[in-house]
Protein backbone atom coordinates (compact mmCIF):
# COMPACT_ATOMS: atom_id res chain seq x y z
CA UNK A 1 -1.59 -77.60 -21.56
CA UNK A 2 1.57 -78.79 -23.28
CA UNK A 3 2.54 -77.91 -26.82
CA UNK A 4 2.05 -80.40 -29.63
CA UNK A 5 5.77 -81.22 -30.08
CA UNK A 6 6.11 -81.87 -26.33
CA UNK A 7 3.12 -84.18 -26.42
CA UNK A 8 4.53 -85.98 -29.45
CA UNK A 9 7.87 -86.52 -27.68
CA UNK A 10 6.07 -87.96 -24.63
CA UNK A 11 4.08 -90.31 -26.86
CA UNK A 12 7.24 -91.33 -28.71
CA UNK A 13 9.04 -92.06 -25.45
CA UNK A 14 6.17 -94.09 -24.05
CA UNK A 15 5.63 -96.14 -27.22
CA UNK A 16 9.32 -96.59 -28.04
CA UNK A 17 9.05 -94.77 -31.37
CA UNK A 18 10.85 -91.57 -30.43
CA UNK A 19 12.77 -91.43 -33.72
CA UNK A 20 9.58 -91.48 -35.79
CA UNK A 21 7.98 -88.83 -33.59
CA UNK A 22 11.01 -86.56 -33.90
CA UNK A 23 10.90 -86.95 -37.68
CA UNK A 24 7.19 -86.07 -37.60
CA UNK A 25 7.95 -82.97 -35.52
CA UNK A 26 10.68 -81.96 -37.99
CA UNK A 27 8.25 -82.41 -40.89
CA UNK A 28 5.66 -80.34 -39.04
CA UNK A 29 8.12 -77.49 -38.54
CA UNK A 30 9.29 -77.73 -42.17
CA UNK A 31 5.70 -77.32 -43.38
CA UNK A 32 5.15 -74.41 -40.99
CA UNK A 33 8.29 -72.64 -42.22
CA UNK A 34 7.30 -73.16 -45.87
CA UNK A 35 3.85 -71.73 -45.16
CA UNK A 36 5.32 -68.71 -43.37
CA UNK A 37 7.73 -68.04 -46.25
CA UNK A 38 4.85 -68.22 -48.73
CA UNK A 39 2.81 -65.78 -46.67
CA UNK A 40 5.71 -63.37 -46.28
CA UNK A 41 6.43 -63.45 -50.00
CA UNK A 42 2.78 -62.77 -50.78
CA UNK A 43 2.84 -59.75 -48.48
CA UNK A 44 6.14 -58.40 -49.80
CA UNK A 45 5.19 -58.38 -53.50
CA UNK A 46 2.66 -55.52 -53.31
CA UNK A 47 4.96 -53.56 -51.00
CA UNK A 48 7.85 -53.85 -53.45
CA UNK A 49 5.59 -52.78 -56.33
CA UNK A 50 4.54 -49.66 -54.41
CA UNK A 51 8.17 -48.83 -53.58
CA UNK A 52 9.20 -49.24 -57.21
CA UNK A 53 6.31 -47.04 -58.34
CA UNK A 54 7.31 -44.29 -55.91
CA UNK A 55 10.93 -44.53 -57.05
CA UNK A 56 10.01 -44.29 -60.74
CA UNK A 57 7.66 -41.35 -60.03
CA UNK A 58 10.43 -39.54 -58.14
CA UNK A 59 12.85 -40.04 -61.03
CA UNK A 60 10.31 -38.77 -63.56
CA UNK A 61 9.54 -35.69 -61.47
CA UNK A 62 13.22 -34.85 -60.98
CA UNK A 63 13.80 -35.16 -64.74
CA UNK A 64 10.81 -33.11 -65.95
CA UNK A 65 10.58 -30.42 -63.27
CA UNK A 66 13.59 -28.43 -64.57
CA UNK A 67 12.20 -28.64 -68.11
CA UNK A 68 8.88 -27.17 -66.97
CA UNK A 69 10.67 -24.38 -65.09
CA UNK A 70 12.67 -23.50 -68.21
CA UNK A 71 9.52 -23.53 -70.32
CA UNK A 72 7.79 -21.19 -67.87
CA UNK A 73 10.75 -18.79 -67.82
CA UNK A 74 11.00 -18.68 -71.62
CA UNK A 75 7.27 -18.12 -72.18
């Protein structure tokens, strides 16, 4: 079974409207790329939030850990 763009090119060649079919294929790929970018962005947002949370937690721990050690040594 042939892919959809290949079938569209064959139809365009046989009907004499190859230019229109190629434009339709380009539009199809443009929509597919836009959809893939939207999906990838939706997947990356939570991942970036988790990474930022881990980074902030690491900074807080590295700032407060020496203070707690000094408080334990003084008390």
